[in-house]
Amino acid sequence: MAQARELLRKGELVFASAAVQAALASEQTVPQSLWEEIPRLLERHRNAAHPDLYAPAPGGTATAEATRAAYYLLA
């Protein structure tokens, strides 16, 4: 889970989401501290004009893939 946290800090939303999904698929536990930190880490990825959409990297253009990845992490 350290990898997912680090990827989010680096601005790699899609890869971070994939890391969390892989960890959960292999029955690893996601620390509560990461779940609590995710909303703050995702703020940089929000699209300013459309705050329900997310970009793969901070300041980028929102994409369906990044938005799905963000909502997976927020669920």
C-alpha atoms as a PDB file:
ATOM      1  CA  MET A   1       0.000   0.000   0.000  1.00  0.00           C
ATOM      2  CA  ALA A   2       2.992   2.246   0.352  1.00  0.00           C
ATOM      3  CA  GLN A   3       3.311   2.015  -3.430  1.00  0.00           C
ATOM      4  CA  ALA A   4      -0.257   3.246  -3.981  1.00  0.00           C
ATOM      5  CA  ARG A   5       0.244   6.148  -1.578  1.00  0.00           C
ATOM      6  CA  GLU A   6       3.522   7.108  -3.264  1.00  0.00           C
ATOM      7  CA  LEU A   7       1.959   6.907  -6.732  1.00  0.00           C
ATOM      8  CA  LEU A   8      -0.846   9.236  -5.634  1.00  0.00           C
ATOM      9  CA  ARG A   9       1.661  11.664  -4.164  1.00  0.00           C
ATOM     10  CA  LYS A  10       3.552  11.626  -7.474  1.00  0.00           C
ATOM     11  CA  GLY A  11       0.320  12.321  -9.368  1.00  0.00           C
ATOM     12  CA  GLU A  12      -0.137   8.886 -10.936  1.00  0.00           C
ATOM     13  CA  LEU A  13      -3.861   8.383 -10.326  1.00  0.00           C
ATOM     14  CA  VAL A  14      -4.532   5.463 -12.685  1.00  0.00           C
ATOM     15  CA  PHE A  15      -1.497   3.477 -11.531  1.00  0.00           C
ATOM     16  CA  ALA A  16      -2.317   4.137  -7.869  1.00  0.00           C
ATOM     17  CA  SER A  17      -5.849   2.866  -8.362  1.00  0.00           C
ATOM     18  CA  ALA A  18      -4.515  -0.240 -10.112  1.00  0.00           C
ATOM     19  CA  ALA A  19      -2.136  -0.855  -7.200  1.00  0.00           C
ATOM     20  CA  VAL A  20      -5.016  -0.685  -4.704  1.00  0.00           C
ATOM     21  CA  GLN A  21      -7.152  -2.990  -6.865  1.00  0.00           C
ATOM     22  CA  ALA A  22      -4.302  -5.505  -7.127  1.00  0.00           C
ATOM     23  CA  ALA A  23      -3.726  -5.413  -3.378  1.00  0.00           C
ATOM     24  CA  LEU A  24      -7.395  -6.020  -2.663  1.00  0.00           C
ATOM     25  CA  ALA A  25      -7.552  -8.817  -5.246  1.00  0.00           C
ATOM     26  CA  SER A  26      -4.670 -10.534  -3.461  1.00  0.00           C
ATOM     27  CA  GLU A  27      -6.501 -10.105  -0.146  1.00  0.00           C
ATOM     28  CA  GLN A  28      -4.087  -7.547   1.275  1.00  0.00           C
ATOM     29  CA  THR A  29      -5.437  -5.070   3.767  1.00  0.00           C
ATOM     30  CA  VAL A  30      -5.571  -1.408   2.871  1.00  0.00           C
ATOM     31  CA  PRO A  31      -4.688   0.667   5.930  1.00  0.00           C
ATOM     32  CA  GLN A  32      -7.403   2.987   7.177  1.00  0.00           C
ATOM     33  CA  SER A  33      -4.914   5.847   7.032  1.00  0.00           C
ATOM     34  CA  LEU A  34      -4.673   5.469   3.244  1.00  0.00           C
ATOM     35  CA  TRP A  35      -8.465   5.443   2.820  1.00  0.00           C
ATOM     36  CA  GLU A  36      -8.608   8.628   4.895  1.00  0.00           C
ATOM     37  CA  GLU A  37      -5.835  10.289   2.877  1.00  0.00           C
ATOM     38  CA  ILE A  38      -7.233   9.460  -0.581  1.00  0.00           C
ATOM     39  CA  PRO A  39      -9.794  12.301  -0.857  1.00  0.00           C
ATOM     40  CA  ARG A  40      -7.099  14.889  -0.108  1.00  0.00           C
ATOM     41  CA  LEU A  41      -4.652  13.278  -2.537  1.00  0.00           C
ATOM     42  CA  LEU A  42      -7.265  13.221  -5.298  1.00  0.00           C
ATOM     43  CA  GLU A  43      -8.103  16.930  -5.021  1.00  0.00           C
ATOM     44  CA  ARG A  44      -5.182  17.824  -7.316  1.00  0.00           C
ATOM     45  CA  HIS A  45      -6.677  15.596 -10.013  1.00  0.00           C
ATOM     46  CA  ARG A  46     -10.109  17.266 -10.069  1.00  0.00           C
ATOM     47  CA  ASN A  47     -11.088  19.132 -13.192  1.00  0.00           C
ATOM     48  CA  ALA A  48     -11.658  22.798 -12.260  1.00  0.00           C
ATOM     49  CA  ALA A  49     -14.543  23.283 -14.691  1.00  0.00           C
ATOM     50  CA  HIS A  50     -16.153  19.902 -13.963  1.00  0.00           C
ATOM     51  CA  PRO A  51     -15.297  18.877 -10.369  1.00  0.00           C
ATOM     52  CA  ASP A  52     -16.928  15.454 -10.768  1.00  0.00           C
ATOM     53  CA  LEU A  53     -14.256  14.526 -13.329  1.00  0.00           C
ATOM     54  CA  TYR A  54     -10.624  13.618 -12.703  1.00  0.00           C
ATOM     55  CA  ALA A  55      -7.401  13.867 -14.697  1.00  0.00           C
ATOM     56  CA  PRO A  56      -4.724  11.158 -14.716  1.00  0.00           C
ATOM     57  CA  ALA A  57      -2.148  13.733 -13.539  1.00  0.00           C
ATOM     58  CA  PRO A  58      -2.618  17.003 -11.660  1.00  0.00           C
ATOM     59  CA  GLY A  59      -3.503  19.874 -13.980  1.00  0.00           C
ATOM     60  CA  GLY A  60      -4.220  17.542 -16.887  1.00  0.00           C
ATOM     61  CA  THR A  61      -7.335  16.968 -18.922  1.00  0.00           C
ATOM     62  CA  ALA A  62      -9.994  14.799 -17.311  1.00  0.00           C
ATOM     63  CA  THR A  63     -10.429  11.342 -18.799  1.00  0.00           C
ATOM     64  CA  ALA A  64     -12.924   8.544 -18.352  1.00  0.00           C
ATOM     65  CA  GLU A  65     -10.146   6.208 -17.220  1.00  0.00           C
ATOM     66  CA  ALA A  66      -8.889   8.595 -14.534  1.00  0.00           C
ATOM     67  CA  THR A  67     -12.429   9.391 -13.383  1.00  0.00           C
ATOM     68  CA  ARG A  68     -13.193   5.669 -13.008  1.00  0.00           C
ATOM     69  CA  ALA A  69      -9.922   5.194 -11.115  1.00  0.00           C
ATOM     70  CA  ALA A  70     -10.747   8.073  -8.757  1.00  0.00           C
ATOM     71  CA  TYR A  71     -14.260   6.853  -8.052  1.00  0.00           C
ATOM     72  CA  TYR A  72     -12.926   3.358  -7.403  1.00  0.00           C
ATOM     73  CA  LEU A  73     -10.599   4.806  -4.767  1.00  0.00           C
ATOM     74  CA  LEU A  74     -13.369   6.934  -3.275  1.00  0.00           C
ATOM     75  CA  ALA A  75     -15.859   4.074  -3.046  1.00  0.00           C
END
